């Protein structure tokens, strides 16, 4: 494996029949990586998450990063959104197989999970991570998350990101485009006027 093959890794929604491959993926993680993700050296997905995958729990969204058909291991990363019952926030979590860490899969998963949260109309994303998990902290900061103290566990940090509604983002994009177009028009007009002098 090399990071040069990372673009061939596909992201898709997890399906109920992915459970066996996902359990194999978790068992293949190093103990350190499992502790980073689950805060305990678990050898398989917790029963709650396993049920959420097999039963298609609407309060959860799972993203699988997988290699092209026929390549092993099939699954190399897993992302999750856990929606709060009131739908005003969602908790984000992700884990990347040890050989693929540092290849950009975490960034791709984070972006897709943020997009999915926006699509669902969730106004805020949250995450928890260990204080010394530098890779996850750097990833969250690069995604715009604010990092602060955890309310209940001094060994963890809490991250939060406000997500503007899709329509607000669209209006902002249109405003930026219009402003840019106006600036360009002024520059072109000034150049034309200068040539006429």
N, C-alpha and C. Protein backbone atom coordinates (compact mmCIF):
# COMPACT_ATOMS: atom_id res chain seq x y z
N UNK A 1 0.85 -1.20 0.00
CA UNK A 1 0.00 0.00 0.00
C UNK A 1 0.87 1.24 0.00
N UNK A 2 0.44 2.24 -0.74
CA UNK A 2 1.09 3.54 -0.69
C UNK A 2 0.02 4.60 -0.80
N UNK A 3 0.33 5.80 -0.29
CA UNK A 3 -0.66 6.88 -0.34
C UNK A 3 -1.01 7.24 -1.79
N UNK A 4 -0.15 6.87 -2.72
CA UNK A 4 -0.45 7.17 -4.12
C UNK A 4 -1.68 6.45 -4.63
N UNK A 5 -2.08 5.36 -3.94
CA UNK A 5 -3.27 4.62 -4.35
C UNK A 5 -4.52 5.09 -3.63
N UNK A 6 -4.38 6.06 -2.71
CA UNK A 6 -5.52 6.53 -1.92
C UNK A 6 -6.67 7.04 -2.78
N UNK A 7 -6.43 7.75 -3.92
CA UNK A 7 -7.57 8.22 -4.72
C UNK A 7 -8.47 7.10 -5.21
N UNK A 8 -7.96 5.86 -5.27
CA UNK A 8 -8.79 4.74 -5.73
C UNK A 8 -9.73 4.23 -4.65
N UNK A 9 -9.55 4.71 -3.43
CA UNK A 9 -10.43 4.31 -2.33
C UNK A 9 -11.77 5.03 -2.48
N UNK A 10 -12.86 4.26 -2.49
CA UNK A 10 -14.20 4.82 -2.67
C UNK A 10 -14.89 4.99 -1.33
N UNK A 11 -15.67 6.06 -1.20
CA UNK A 11 -16.49 6.29 -0.02
C UNK A 11 -17.95 6.02 -0.37
N UNK A 12 -18.63 5.30 0.50
CA UNK A 12 -20.04 5.01 0.29
C UNK A 12 -20.72 4.78 1.62
N UNK A 13 -22.05 4.82 1.59
CA UNK A 13 -22.82 4.54 2.80
C UNK A 13 -22.70 3.06 3.15
N UNK A 14 -22.58 2.77 4.43
CA UNK A 14 -22.50 1.38 4.88
C UNK A 14 -23.86 0.71 4.71
N UNK A 15 -23.83 -0.57 4.40
CA UNK A 15 -25.05 -1.37 4.25
C UNK A 15 -25.06 -2.47 5.31
N UNK A 16 -26.24 -3.04 5.61
CA UNK A 16 -26.31 -4.09 6.64
C UNK A 16 -25.36 -5.26 6.40
N UNK A 17 -25.15 -5.64 5.14
CA UNK A 17 -24.29 -6.78 4.88
C UNK A 17 -22.80 -6.44 4.94
N UNK A 18 -22.46 -5.21 5.32
CA UNK A 18 -21.06 -4.82 5.53
C UNK A 18 -20.55 -5.21 6.91
N UNK A 19 -21.42 -5.68 7.79
CA UNK A 19 -21.02 -5.85 9.18
C UNK A 19 -19.81 -6.77 9.33
N UNK A 20 -19.79 -7.90 8.64
CA UNK A 20 -18.68 -8.83 8.79
C UNK A 20 -17.36 -8.17 8.38
N UNK A 21 -17.38 -7.43 7.27
CA UNK A 21 -16.16 -6.75 6.81
C UNK A 21 -15.75 -5.66 7.80
N UNK A 22 -16.73 -4.99 8.39
CA UNK A 22 -16.42 -3.93 9.36
C UNK A 22 -15.84 -4.51 10.65
N UNK A 23 -16.37 -5.64 11.08
CA UNK A 23 -15.81 -6.28 12.28
C UNK A 23 -14.38 -6.73 12.01
N UNK A 24 -14.13 -7.25 10.82
CA UNK A 24 -12.77 -7.63 10.44
C UNK A 24 -11.85 -6.41 10.41
N UNK A 25 -12.38 -5.29 9.91
CA UNK A 25 -11.61 -4.04 9.87
C UNK A 25 -11.20 -3.61 11.28
N UNK A 26 -12.14 -3.65 12.22
CA UNK A 26 -11.84 -3.24 13.60
C UNK A 26 -10.81 -4.19 14.22
N UNK A 27 -10.97 -5.49 13.98
CA UNK A 27 -10.01 -6.45 14.55
C UNK A 27 -8.60 -6.23 13.99
N UNK A 28 -8.51 -5.69 12.78
CA UNK A 28 -7.22 -5.46 12.16
C UNK A 28 -6.53 -4.18 12.60
N UNK A 29 -7.23 -3.33 13.34
CA UNK A 29 -6.63 -2.09 13.84
C UNK A 29 -5.65 -2.39 14.96
N UNK A 30 -4.63 -1.56 15.08
CA UNK A 30 -3.73 -1.69 16.22
C UNK A 30 -4.49 -1.35 17.51
N UNK A 31 -3.97 -1.83 18.62
CA UNK A 31 -4.62 -1.53 19.90
C UNK A 31 -4.66 -0.02 20.12
N UNK A 32 -3.58 0.67 19.78
CA UNK A 32 -3.55 2.13 19.96
C UNK A 32 -4.64 2.81 19.16
N UNK A 33 -4.85 2.38 17.91
CA UNK A 33 -5.88 3.00 17.08
C UNK A 33 -7.27 2.69 17.60
N UNK A 34 -7.48 1.46 18.10
CA UNK A 34 -8.79 1.13 18.67
C UNK A 34 -9.08 1.98 19.90
N UNK A 35 -8.07 2.19 20.72
CA UNK A 35 -8.26 3.02 21.91
C UNK A 35 -8.55 4.46 21.50
N UNK A 36 -7.87 4.96 20.47
CA UNK A 36 -8.13 6.31 19.98
C UNK A 36 -9.59 6.47 19.57
N UNK A 37 -10.12 5.45 18.89
CA UNK A 37 -11.49 5.55 18.37
C UNK A 37 -12.55 5.26 19.43
N UNK A 38 -12.38 4.17 20.17
CA UNK A 38 -13.44 3.73 21.08
C UNK A 38 -13.14 4.03 22.55
N UNK A 39 -11.95 4.61 22.83
CA UNK A 39 -11.51 4.89 24.20
C UNK A 39 -11.36 3.62 25.03
N UNK A 40 -11.25 2.49 24.33
CA UNK A 40 -11.03 1.19 24.97
C UNK A 40 -10.50 0.25 23.89
N UNK A 41 -9.71 -0.78 24.27
CA UNK A 41 -9.12 -1.69 23.28
C UNK A 41 -10.12 -2.73 22.78
N UNK A 42 -11.20 -2.29 22.17
CA UNK A 42 -12.26 -3.18 21.72
C UNK A 42 -11.79 -3.94 20.48
N UNK A 43 -12.19 -5.21 20.37
CA UNK A 43 -11.79 -6.04 19.23
C UNK A 43 -12.86 -6.08 18.15
N UNK A 44 -14.04 -5.57 18.44
CA UNK A 44 -15.11 -5.50 17.46
C UNK A 44 -15.92 -4.24 17.72
N UNK A 45 -16.80 -3.92 16.79
CA UNK A 45 -17.69 -2.78 17.00
C UNK A 45 -18.55 -3.01 18.23
N UNK A 46 -18.82 -1.98 19.01
CA UNK A 46 -19.74 -2.13 20.14
C UNK A 46 -21.09 -2.62 19.64
N UNK A 47 -21.80 -3.42 20.43
CA UNK A 47 -23.10 -3.97 20.00
C UNK A 47 -24.07 -2.90 19.51
N UNK A 48 -24.07 -1.72 20.15
CA UNK A 48 -24.99 -0.66 19.74
C UNK A 48 -24.72 -0.23 18.30
N UNK A 49 -23.44 -0.08 17.95
CA UNK A 49 -23.10 0.33 16.58
C UNK A 49 -23.37 -0.80 15.59
N UNK A 50 -23.08 -2.03 16.00
CA UNK A 50 -23.34 -3.17 15.12
C UNK A 50 -24.83 -3.26 14.79
N UNK A 51 -25.68 -3.09 15.80
CA UNK A 51 -27.13 -3.12 15.56
C UNK A 51 -27.57 -1.96 14.67
N UNK A 52 -26.98 -0.79 14.90
CA UNK A 52 -27.35 0.39 14.10
C UNK A 52 -27.05 0.14 12.62
N UNK A 53 -25.96 -0.57 12.33
CA UNK A 53 -25.61 -0.86 10.94
C UNK A 53 -26.56 -1.90 10.35
N UNK A 54 -26.77 -2.99 11.06
CA UNK A 54 -27.58 -4.08 10.50
C UNK A 54 -29.06 -3.71 10.42
N UNK A 55 -29.52 -2.85 11.32
CA UNK A 55 -30.94 -2.49 11.34
C UNK A 55 -31.23 -1.18 10.61
N UNK A 56 -30.20 -0.52 10.09
CA UNK A 56 -30.42 0.74 9.38
C UNK A 56 -31.00 1.81 10.28
N UNK A 57 -30.47 1.93 11.49
CA UNK A 57 -30.97 2.91 12.46
C UNK A 57 -30.94 4.32 11.86
N UNK A 58 -32.11 5.00 11.79
CA UNK A 58 -32.15 6.33 11.17
C UNK A 58 -31.42 7.40 11.96
N UNK A 59 -31.05 7.10 13.22
CA UNK A 59 -30.30 8.07 14.02
C UNK A 59 -28.80 7.99 13.76
N UNK A 60 -28.39 7.08 12.91
CA UNK A 60 -26.98 6.91 12.59
C UNK A 60 -26.75 6.95 11.08
N UNK A 61 -25.60 7.48 10.70
CA UNK A 61 -25.13 7.41 9.32
C UNK A 61 -23.70 6.88 9.37
N UNK A 62 -23.41 5.89 8.54
CA UNK A 62 -22.08 5.31 8.49
C UNK A 62 -21.52 5.43 7.09
N UNK A 63 -20.25 5.81 6.99
CA UNK A 63 -19.55 5.88 5.72
C UNK A 63 -18.39 4.89 5.73
N UNK A 64 -18.30 4.11 4.67
CA UNK A 64 -17.23 3.13 4.53
C UNK A 64 -16.27 3.60 3.46
N UNK A 65 -14.97 3.48 3.73
CA UNK A 65 -13.95 3.71 2.72
C UNK A 65 -13.42 2.33 2.32
N UNK A 66 -13.55 1.98 1.05
CA UNK A 66 -13.17 0.64 0.64
C UNK A 66 -12.30 0.65 -0.62
N UNK A 67 -11.49 -0.39 -0.73
CA UNK A 67 -10.63 -0.57 -1.89
C UNK A 67 -11.44 -1.14 -3.05
N UNK A 68 -10.93 -1.05 -4.27
CA UNK A 68 -11.64 -1.64 -5.41
C UNK A 68 -11.92 -3.12 -5.19
N UNK A 69 -12.95 -3.63 -5.86
CA UNK A 69 -13.37 -5.01 -5.68
C UNK A 69 -12.20 -5.97 -5.89
N UNK A 70 -12.11 -6.94 -4.98
CA UNK A 70 -11.08 -7.96 -5.08
C UNK A 70 -9.84 -7.67 -4.28
N UNK A 71 -9.63 -6.43 -3.87
CA UNK A 71 -8.44 -6.09 -3.08
C UNK A 71 -8.73 -6.28 -1.59
N UNK A 72 -7.72 -6.62 -0.86
CA UNK A 72 -7.85 -6.86 0.58
C UNK A 72 -6.86 -5.99 1.34
N UNK A 73 -7.25 -5.49 2.55
CA UNK A 73 -8.59 -5.63 3.13
C UNK A 73 -9.59 -4.75 2.39
N UNK A 74 -10.85 -5.16 2.40
CA UNK A 74 -11.86 -4.42 1.64
C UNK A 74 -12.11 -3.04 2.24
N UNK A 75 -12.23 -2.98 3.57
CA UNK A 75 -12.54 -1.73 4.27
C UNK A 75 -11.27 -1.16 4.89
N UNK A 76 -11.03 0.13 4.65
CA UNK A 76 -9.81 0.76 5.20
C UNK A 76 -10.12 1.96 6.08
N UNK A 77 -11.39 2.35 6.19
CA UNK A 77 -11.76 3.46 7.09
C UNK A 77 -13.27 3.43 7.30
N UNK A 78 -13.69 4.00 8.42
CA UNK A 78 -15.11 4.05 8.78
C UNK A 78 -15.42 5.38 9.44
N UNK A 79 -16.47 6.04 8.97
CA UNK A 79 -16.93 7.28 9.57
C UNK A 79 -18.36 7.13 10.06
N UNK A 80 -18.72 7.92 11.06
CA UNK A 80 -20.05 7.79 11.67
C UNK A 80 -20.60 9.14 12.09
N UNK A 81 -21.90 9.31 11.88
CA UNK A 81 -22.66 10.41 12.46
C UNK A 81 -23.72 9.81 13.37
N UNK A 82 -23.79 10.27 14.60
CA UNK A 82 -24.84 9.85 15.53
C UNK A 82 -25.71 11.07 15.81
N UNK A 83 -26.93 11.05 15.31
CA UNK A 83 -27.83 12.19 15.43
C UNK A 83 -28.47 12.23 16.81
N UNK A 84 -28.48 13.40 17.42
CA UNK A 84 -29.20 13.57 18.69
C UNK A 84 -30.70 13.44 18.42
N UNK A 85 -31.44 13.03 19.44
CA UNK A 85 -32.88 12.81 19.26
C UNK A 85 -33.61 14.07 18.80
N UNK A 86 -33.12 15.24 19.23
CA UNK A 86 -33.78 16.50 18.85
C UNK A 86 -33.27 17.02 17.50
N UNK A 87 -32.29 16.33 16.92
CA UNK A 87 -31.74 16.67 15.61
C UNK A 87 -31.09 18.05 15.55
N UNK A 88 -30.75 18.62 16.70
CA UNK A 88 -30.07 19.92 16.68
C UNK A 88 -28.55 19.77 16.69
N UNK A 89 -28.09 18.54 16.82
CA UNK A 89 -26.66 18.29 16.78
C UNK A 89 -26.43 16.83 16.39
N UNK A 90 -25.20 16.54 16.01
CA UNK A 90 -24.80 15.17 15.70
C UNK A 90 -23.36 15.00 16.13
N UNK A 91 -23.05 13.79 16.61
CA UNK A 91 -21.67 13.50 17.01
C UNK A 91 -20.97 12.78 15.87
N UNK A 92 -19.77 13.21 15.59
CA UNK A 92 -18.98 12.67 14.50
C UNK A 92 -17.84 11.83 15.05
N UNK A 93 -17.55 10.71 14.37
CA UNK A 93 -16.40 9.89 14.75
C UNK A 93 -15.88 9.20 13.50
N UNK A 94 -14.59 8.95 13.47
CA UNK A 94 -14.02 8.24 12.32
C UNK A 94 -12.75 7.52 12.74
N UNK A 95 -12.40 6.50 11.96
CA UNK A 95 -11.17 5.76 12.22
C UNK A 95 -10.63 5.25 10.88
N UNK A 96 -9.31 5.31 10.74
CA UNK A 96 -8.63 4.91 9.51
C UNK A 96 -7.66 3.78 9.86
N UNK A 97 -7.60 2.76 9.02
CA UNK A 97 -6.67 1.65 9.23
C UNK A 97 -5.24 2.17 9.33
N UNK A 98 -4.46 1.55 10.18
CA UNK A 98 -3.11 2.05 10.46
C UNK A 98 -2.26 2.30 9.21
N UNK A 99 -2.22 1.37 8.23
CA UNK A 99 -1.36 1.61 7.06
C UNK A 99 -1.82 2.78 6.19
N UNK A 100 -3.08 3.20 6.35
CA UNK A 100 -3.64 4.26 5.51
C UNK A 100 -3.68 5.61 6.22
N UNK A 101 -3.23 5.66 7.45
CA UNK A 101 -3.23 6.93 8.16
C UNK A 101 -2.22 7.88 7.54
N UNK A 102 -2.59 9.14 7.42
CA UNK A 102 -1.72 10.13 6.81
C UNK A 102 -1.85 10.23 5.31
N UNK A 103 -2.82 9.50 4.73
CA UNK A 103 -3.00 9.49 3.27
C UNK A 103 -4.18 10.35 2.81
N UNK A 104 -4.82 11.08 3.73
CA UNK A 104 -5.91 11.96 3.35
C UNK A 104 -7.30 11.37 3.48
N UNK A 105 -7.40 10.10 3.90
CA UNK A 105 -8.73 9.50 4.02
C UNK A 105 -9.54 10.14 5.15
N UNK A 106 -8.87 10.51 6.23
CA UNK A 106 -9.58 11.18 7.33
C UNK A 106 -10.19 12.48 6.87
N UNK A 107 -9.45 13.24 6.06
CA UNK A 107 -9.99 14.51 5.54
C UNK A 107 -11.19 14.27 4.65
N UNK A 108 -11.11 13.26 3.78
CA UNK A 108 -12.23 12.94 2.89
C UNK A 108 -13.46 12.52 3.68
N UNK A 109 -13.24 11.69 4.69
CA UNK A 109 -14.37 11.25 5.52
C UNK A 109 -14.99 12.43 6.26
N UNK A 110 -14.15 13.28 6.82
CA UNK A 110 -14.66 14.45 7.55
C UNK A 110 -15.51 15.33 6.64
N UNK A 111 -15.03 15.59 5.44
CA UNK A 111 -15.77 16.44 4.51
C UNK A 111 -17.11 15.82 4.15
N UNK A 112 -17.12 14.51 3.89
CA UNK A 112 -18.37 13.84 3.52
C UNK A 112 -19.34 13.81 4.69
N UNK A 113 -18.84 13.59 5.90
CA UNK A 113 -19.72 13.58 7.06
C UNK A 113 -20.31 14.97 7.32
N UNK A 114 -19.51 16.00 7.13
CA UNK A 114 -20.01 17.37 7.27
C UNK A 114 -21.08 17.65 6.22
N UNK A 115 -20.85 17.21 5.00
CA UNK A 115 -21.83 17.40 3.92
C UNK A 115 -23.14 16.68 4.25
N UNK A 116 -23.01 15.46 4.80
CA UNK A 116 -24.21 14.70 5.14
C UNK A 116 -24.98 15.39 6.26
N UNK A 117 -24.28 15.92 7.24
CA UNK A 117 -24.94 16.64 8.34
C UNK A 117 -25.68 17.86 7.80
N UNK A 118 -25.05 18.60 6.89
CA UNK A 118 -25.73 19.76 6.28
C UNK A 118 -26.96 19.32 5.52
N UNK A 119 -26.83 18.22 4.77
CA UNK A 119 -27.98 17.72 3.99
C UNK A 119 -29.15 17.37 4.90
N UNK A 120 -28.84 16.87 6.09
CA UNK A 120 -29.88 16.49 7.05
C UNK A 120 -30.41 17.69 7.83
N UNK A 121 -29.79 18.86 7.63
CA UNK A 121 -30.24 20.05 8.34
C UNK A 121 -29.77 20.13 9.77
N UNK A 122 -28.72 19.41 10.12
CA UNK A 122 -28.17 19.45 11.48
C UNK A 122 -27.35 20.74 11.65
N UNK A 123 -27.69 21.59 12.62
CA UNK A 123 -26.99 22.87 12.75
C UNK A 123 -25.63 22.80 13.42
N UNK A 124 -25.31 21.70 14.13
CA UNK A 124 -24.02 21.65 14.81
C UNK A 124 -23.47 20.23 14.84
N UNK A 125 -22.18 20.12 14.54
CA UNK A 125 -21.47 18.86 14.66
C UNK A 125 -20.59 18.90 15.90
N UNK A 126 -20.47 17.77 16.56
CA UNK A 126 -19.62 17.67 17.74
C UNK A 126 -18.75 16.43 17.64
N UNK A 127 -17.65 16.42 18.38
CA UNK A 127 -16.76 15.27 18.42
C UNK A 127 -16.03 15.24 19.74
N UNK A 128 -15.62 14.05 20.15
CA UNK A 128 -14.80 13.87 21.35
C UNK A 128 -13.52 13.17 20.95
N UNK A 129 -12.42 13.57 21.54
CA UNK A 129 -11.15 12.92 21.26
C UNK A 129 -10.23 13.03 22.46
N UNK A 130 -9.28 12.13 22.53
CA UNK A 130 -8.32 12.17 23.63
C UNK A 130 -7.42 13.39 23.49
N UNK A 131 -6.98 13.89 24.62
CA UNK A 131 -6.16 15.11 24.62
C UNK A 131 -4.87 14.96 23.82
N UNK A 132 -4.32 13.74 23.81
CA UNK A 132 -3.04 13.56 23.13
C UNK A 132 -3.18 12.97 21.72
N UNK A 133 -4.40 12.95 21.21
CA UNK A 133 -4.63 12.46 19.85
C UNK A 133 -4.37 13.59 18.86
N UNK A 134 -3.10 13.84 18.58
CA UNK A 134 -2.71 14.99 17.79
C UNK A 134 -3.25 14.93 16.37
N UNK A 135 -3.29 13.73 15.79
CA UNK A 135 -3.77 13.60 14.41
C UNK A 135 -5.24 14.01 14.30
N UNK A 136 -6.06 13.54 15.24
CA UNK A 136 -7.49 13.87 15.21
C UNK A 136 -7.70 15.35 15.51
N UNK A 137 -6.95 15.89 16.45
CA UNK A 137 -7.09 17.31 16.77
C UNK A 137 -6.71 18.17 15.58
N UNK A 138 -5.64 17.79 14.88
CA UNK A 138 -5.23 18.55 13.69
C UNK A 138 -6.29 18.46 12.61
N UNK A 139 -6.88 17.27 12.44
CA UNK A 139 -7.93 17.09 11.43
C UNK A 139 -9.14 17.95 11.75
N UNK A 140 -9.58 17.93 13.00
CA UNK A 140 -10.76 18.71 13.39
C UNK A 140 -10.50 20.21 13.24
N UNK A 141 -9.32 20.66 13.64
CA UNK A 141 -9.00 22.08 13.48
C UNK A 141 -8.97 22.47 12.01
N UNK A 142 -8.44 21.60 11.17
CA UNK A 142 -8.40 21.91 9.73
C UNK A 142 -9.80 21.99 9.15
N UNK A 143 -10.76 21.31 9.79
CA UNK A 143 -12.15 21.35 9.34
C UNK A 143 -12.94 22.49 9.94
N UNK A 144 -12.29 23.33 10.75
CA UNK A 144 -12.97 24.49 11.32
C UNK A 144 -13.58 24.27 12.68
N UNK A 145 -13.35 23.12 13.29
CA UNK A 145 -13.92 22.84 14.61
C UNK A 145 -13.22 23.66 15.69
N UNK A 146 -14.00 24.12 16.65
CA UNK A 146 -13.44 24.78 17.84
C UNK A 146 -13.21 23.71 18.90
N UNK A 147 -12.04 23.70 19.50
CA UNK A 147 -11.67 22.68 20.48
C UNK A 147 -11.72 23.28 21.88
N UNK A 148 -12.35 22.57 22.80
CA UNK A 148 -12.44 23.05 24.17
C UNK A 148 -12.43 21.90 25.17
N UNK A 149 -12.58 22.24 26.43
CA UNK A 149 -12.58 21.23 27.49
C UNK A 149 -13.81 20.35 27.39
N UNK A 150 -13.66 19.10 27.81
CA UNK A 150 -14.79 18.18 27.89
C UNK A 150 -15.47 18.38 29.23
N UNK A 151 -16.78 18.42 29.23
CA UNK A 151 -17.52 18.73 30.46
C UNK A 151 -17.40 17.64 31.51
N UNK A 152 -17.21 16.38 31.09
CA UNK A 152 -17.27 15.27 32.04
C UNK A 152 -15.96 14.51 32.23
N UNK A 153 -15.04 14.60 31.26
CA UNK A 153 -13.84 13.78 31.31
C UNK A 153 -12.61 14.63 31.05
N UNK A 154 -11.75 14.83 32.04
CA UNK A 154 -10.56 15.67 31.84
C UNK A 154 -9.56 15.08 30.84
N UNK A 155 -9.70 13.79 30.54
CA UNK A 155 -8.79 13.17 29.59
C UNK A 155 -9.21 13.35 28.14
N UNK A 156 -10.39 13.95 27.95
CA UNK A 156 -10.91 14.15 26.60
C UNK A 156 -11.04 15.64 26.29
N UNK A 157 -11.14 15.94 25.02
CA UNK A 157 -11.45 17.29 24.55
C UNK A 157 -12.73 17.23 23.73
N UNK A 158 -13.46 18.34 23.74
CA UNK A 158 -14.71 18.45 23.00
C UNK A 158 -14.51 19.39 21.81
N UNK A 159 -15.02 18.99 20.65
CA UNK A 159 -14.92 19.81 19.45
C UNK A 159 -16.31 20.10 18.92
N UNK A 160 -16.50 21.32 18.39
CA UNK A 160 -17.82 21.70 17.88
C UNK A 160 -17.65 22.55 16.62
N UNK A 161 -18.59 22.37 15.70
CA UNK A 161 -18.60 23.12 14.45
C UNK A 161 -20.03 23.50 14.11
N UNK A 162 -20.30 24.80 13.98
CA UNK A 162 -21.62 25.27 13.58
C UNK A 162 -21.74 25.13 12.07
N UNK A 163 -22.85 24.55 11.63
CA UNK A 163 -23.09 24.34 10.20
C UNK A 163 -24.23 25.25 9.75
N UNK A 164 -23.95 26.26 8.91
CA UNK A 164 -25.03 27.11 8.42
C UNK A 164 -25.96 26.31 7.52
N UNK A 165 -27.25 26.63 7.53
CA UNK A 165 -28.19 25.93 6.64
C UNK A 165 -27.74 26.03 5.19
N UNK A 166 -28.13 25.06 4.40
CA UNK A 166 -27.70 25.01 3.00
C UNK A 166 -28.08 26.28 2.25
N UNK A 167 -29.29 26.82 2.52
CA UNK A 167 -29.72 28.00 1.79
C UNK A 167 -28.87 29.22 2.12
N UNK A 168 -28.38 29.29 3.38
CA UNK A 168 -27.50 30.40 3.76
C UNK A 168 -26.19 30.30 3.01
N UNK A 169 -25.66 29.08 2.91
CA UNK A 169 -24.41 28.88 2.19
C UNK A 169 -24.57 29.21 0.71
N UNK A 170 -25.72 28.85 0.14
CA UNK A 170 -25.96 29.15 -1.27
C UNK A 170 -26.03 30.64 -1.50
N UNK A 171 -26.71 31.37 -0.59
CA UNK A 171 -26.79 32.82 -0.74
C UNK A 171 -25.41 33.46 -0.63
N UNK A 172 -24.61 32.94 0.31
CA UNK A 172 -23.26 33.48 0.48
C UNK A 172 -22.43 33.24 -0.77
N UNK A 173 -22.58 32.04 -1.37
CA UNK A 173 -21.83 31.74 -2.58
C UNK A 173 -22.26 32.65 -3.72
N UNK A 174 -23.57 32.90 -3.85
CA UNK A 174 -24.05 33.78 -4.91
C UNK A 174 -23.56 35.21 -4.69
N UNK A 175 -23.57 35.65 -3.41
CA UNK A 175 -23.10 37.00 -3.11
C UNK A 175 -21.63 37.14 -3.46
N UNK A 176 -20.83 36.10 -3.13
CA UNK A 176 -19.41 36.13 -3.46
C UNK A 176 -19.21 36.20 -4.95
N UNK A 177 -20.01 35.39 -5.69
CA UNK A 177 -19.87 35.36 -7.15
C UNK A 177 -20.23 36.72 -7.74
N UNK A 178 -21.32 37.31 -7.25
CA UNK A 178 -21.75 38.61 -7.77
C UNK A 178 -20.71 39.69 -7.47
N UNK A 179 -20.17 39.66 -6.23
CA UNK A 179 -19.15 40.64 -5.87
C UNK A 179 -17.91 40.47 -6.73
N UNK A 180 -17.52 39.22 -6.94
CA UNK A 180 -16.34 38.96 -7.76
C UNK A 180 -16.57 39.44 -9.19
N UNK A 181 -17.78 39.16 -9.70
CA UNK A 181 -18.09 39.57 -11.06
C UNK A 181 -18.07 41.10 -11.17
N UNK A 182 -18.57 41.78 -10.12
CA UNK A 182 -18.58 43.23 -10.14
C UNK A 182 -17.19 43.81 -10.13
N UNK A 183 -16.31 43.20 -9.31
CA UNK A 183 -14.93 43.66 -9.24
C UNK A 183 -14.24 43.46 -10.59
N UNK A 184 -14.45 42.29 -11.18
CA UNK A 184 -13.83 42.01 -12.48
C UNK A 184 -14.32 43.00 -13.53
N UNK A 185 -15.62 43.31 -13.52
CA UNK A 185 -16.17 44.25 -14.49
C UNK A 185 -15.52 45.63 -14.35
N UNK A 186 -15.30 46.05 -13.10
CA UNK A 186 -14.67 47.35 -12.86
C UNK A 186 -13.23 47.36 -13.37
N UNK A 187 -12.51 46.24 -13.15
CA UNK A 187 -11.12 46.16 -13.61
C UNK A 187 -11.05 46.22 -15.13
N UNK A 188 -11.94 45.48 -15.78
CA UNK A 188 -11.97 45.48 -17.25
C UNK A 188 -12.31 46.87 -17.78
N UNK A 189 -13.29 47.52 -17.16
CA UNK A 189 -13.68 48.87 -17.60
C UNK A 189 -12.53 49.85 -17.43
N UNK A 190 -11.78 49.73 -16.33
CA UNK A 190 -10.65 50.63 -16.09
C UNK A 190 -9.56 50.41 -17.14
N UNK A 191 -9.31 49.15 -17.52
CA UNK A 191 -8.30 48.85 -18.53
C UNK A 191 -8.70 49.40 -19.89
N UNK A 192 -10.00 49.25 -20.23
CA UNK A 192 -10.50 49.78 -21.50
C UNK A 192 -10.36 51.30 -21.54
N UNK A 193 -10.72 51.94 -20.42
CA UNK A 193 -10.61 53.41 -20.35
C UNK A 193 -9.17 53.86 -20.49
N UNK A 194 -8.24 53.11 -19.87
CA UNK A 194 -6.82 53.47 -19.95
C UNK A 194 -6.30 53.37 -21.35
N UNK A 195 -6.77 52.39 -22.11
CA UNK A 195 -6.32 52.22 -23.50
C UNK A 195 -6.83 53.35 -24.38
N UNK A 196 -7.97 53.90 -24.02
CA UNK A 196 -8.57 54.97 -24.83
C UNK A 196 -7.91 56.30 -24.59
N UNK A 197 -7.13 56.43 -23.52
CA UNK A 197 -6.49 57.72 -23.20
C UNK A 197 -5.26 57.91 -24.08
